[in-house]
Amino acid sequence: MTFETREELIRRDSLEEGIEIGREEGKKQAIASMISKGLLTVTQGAEELGISEEELQRIVTCADPVTKEEQ
């Protein structure tokens, strides 16, 4: 494997990792929005994301502009 080929593989892996992180963050924000609108419960959202209810509640609090202003 040449140096250039190795560098290209590293860049491609980094790009794919970045895309995956973006998808996960987008999913968290979408679920947080649904919870804020009353369409999902925190329990349902946490289950969907595979995280604790406490962790999801922190995400919802950070995603909700009204809650941010109250802090």
C-alpha atoms as a PDB file:
ATOM      1  CA  MET A   1       0.000   0.000   0.000  1.00  0.00           C
ATOM      2  CA  THR A   2       1.381   3.375  -0.946  1.00  0.00           C
ATOM      3  CA  PHE A   3       1.402   6.389   1.334  1.00  0.00           C
ATOM      4  CA  GLU A   4      -1.207   8.122  -0.854  1.00  0.00           C
ATOM      5  CA  THR A   5      -3.526   5.107  -0.744  1.00  0.00           C
ATOM      6  CA  ARG A   6      -3.195   4.906   3.032  1.00  0.00           C
ATOM      7  CA  GLU A   7      -3.949   8.627   3.405  1.00  0.00           C
ATOM      8  CA  GLU A   8      -7.017   8.303   1.165  1.00  0.00           C
ATOM      9  CA  LEU A   9      -8.326   5.410   3.291  1.00  0.00           C
ATOM     10  CA  ILE A  10      -7.818   7.440   6.462  1.00  0.00           C
ATOM     11  CA  ARG A  11      -9.709  10.408   4.952  1.00  0.00           C
ATOM     12  CA  ARG A  12     -12.542   8.157   3.806  1.00  0.00           C
ATOM     13  CA  ASP A  13     -12.839   6.552   7.261  1.00  0.00           C
ATOM     14  CA  SER A  14     -12.886   9.988   8.903  1.00  0.00           C
ATOM     15  CA  LEU A  15     -15.595  11.176   6.522  1.00  0.00           C
ATOM     16  CA  GLU A  16     -17.738   8.099   7.138  1.00  0.00           C
ATOM     17  CA  GLU A  17     -17.272   8.482  10.887  1.00  0.00           C
ATOM     18  CA  GLY A  18     -18.290  12.145  10.678  1.00  0.00           C
ATOM     19  CA  ILE A  19     -21.405  11.270   8.698  1.00  0.00           C
ATOM     20  CA  GLU A  20     -22.380   8.631  11.261  1.00  0.00           C
ATOM     21  CA  ILE A  21     -21.879  11.062  14.150  1.00  0.00           C
ATOM     22  CA  GLY A  22     -24.031  13.619  12.323  1.00  0.00           C
ATOM     23  CA  ARG A  23     -26.798  11.088  11.814  1.00  0.00           C
ATOM     24  CA  GLU A  24     -26.781  10.110  15.490  1.00  0.00           C
ATOM     25  CA  GLU A  25     -26.856  13.752  16.602  1.00  0.00           C
ATOM     26  CA  GLY A  26     -29.684  14.481  14.164  1.00  0.00           C
ATOM     27  CA  LYS A  27     -31.671  11.540  15.494  1.00  0.00           C
ATOM     28  CA  LYS A  28     -31.152  12.758  19.078  1.00  0.00           C
ATOM     29  CA  GLN A  29     -32.319  16.252  18.165  1.00  0.00           C
ATOM     30  CA  ALA A  30     -35.365  14.944  16.287  1.00  0.00           C
ATOM     31  CA  ILE A  31     -36.407  12.799  19.248  1.00  0.00           C
ATOM     32  CA  ALA A  32     -35.764  15.701  21.653  1.00  0.00           C
ATOM     33  CA  SER A  33     -38.038  17.855  19.505  1.00  0.00           C
ATOM     34  CA  MET A  34     -40.768  15.209  19.545  1.00  0.00           C
ATOM     35  CA  ILE A  35     -40.538  15.017  23.326  1.00  0.00           C
ATOM     36  CA  SER A  36     -40.740  18.817  23.634  1.00  0.00           C
ATOM     37  CA  LYS A  37     -43.885  18.766  21.482  1.00  0.00           C
ATOM     38  CA  GLY A  38     -45.445  15.980  23.550  1.00  0.00           C
ATOM     39  CA  LEU A  39     -45.344  13.431  20.727  1.00  0.00           C
ATOM     40  CA  LEU A  40     -43.026  11.043  22.615  1.00  0.00           C
ATOM     41  CA  THR A  41     -42.291  10.419  26.262  1.00  0.00           C
ATOM     42  CA  VAL A  42     -38.766  10.611  27.628  1.00  0.00           C
ATOM     43  CA  THR A  43     -38.994   6.881  28.321  1.00  0.00           C
ATOM     44  CA  GLN A  44     -39.893   6.108  24.691  1.00  0.00           C
ATOM     45  CA  GLY A  45     -37.175   8.395  23.352  1.00  0.00           C
ATOM     46  CA  ALA A  46     -34.500   6.969  25.628  1.00  0.00           C
ATOM     47  CA  GLU A  47     -35.475   3.465  24.604  1.00  0.00           C
ATOM     48  CA  GLU A  48     -35.273   4.389  20.906  1.00  0.00           C
ATOM     49  CA  LEU A  49     -31.815   5.936  21.354  1.00  0.00           C
ATOM     50  CA  GLY A  50     -30.509   3.296  23.740  1.00  0.00           C
ATOM     51  CA  ILE A  51     -29.567   5.869  26.391  1.00  0.00           C
ATOM     52  CA  SER A  52     -30.726   6.618  29.915  1.00  0.00           C
ATOM     53  CA  GLU A  53     -33.736   8.812  30.559  1.00  0.00           C
ATOM     54  CA  GLU A  54     -31.484  11.201  32.485  1.00  0.00           C
ATOM     55  CA  GLU A  55     -29.111  11.595  29.532  1.00  0.00           C
ATOM     56  CA  LEU A  56     -32.014  12.193  27.177  1.00  0.00           C
ATOM     57  CA  GLN A  57     -33.544  14.733  29.544  1.00  0.00           C
ATOM     58  CA  ARG A  58     -30.263  16.708  29.385  1.00  0.00           C
ATOM     59  CA  ILE A  59     -30.431  16.621  25.573  1.00  0.00           C
ATOM     60  CA  VAL A  60     -34.070  17.773  25.596  1.00  0.00           C
ATOM     61  CA  THR A  61     -33.264  20.596  28.018  1.00  0.00           C
ATOM     62  CA  CYS A  62     -30.390  21.800  25.806  1.00  0.00           C
ATOM     63  CA  ALA A  63     -32.505  21.537  22.641  1.00  0.00           C
ATOM     64  CA  ASP A  64     -35.486  23.483  24.003  1.00  0.00           C
ATOM     65  CA  PRO A  65     -34.966  27.259  23.560  1.00  0.00           C
ATOM     66  CA  VAL A  66     -37.620  28.078  26.161  1.00  0.00           C
ATOM     67  CA  THR A  67     -35.886  25.936  28.770  1.00  0.00           C
ATOM     68  CA  LYS A  68     -32.529  27.545  27.900  1.00  0.00           C
ATOM     69  CA  GLU A  69     -33.941  31.004  28.568  1.00  0.00           C
ATOM     70  CA  GLU A  70     -35.312  29.899  31.949  1.00  0.00           C
ATOM     71  CA  GLN A  71     -31.897  28.652  33.113  1.00  0.00           C
END
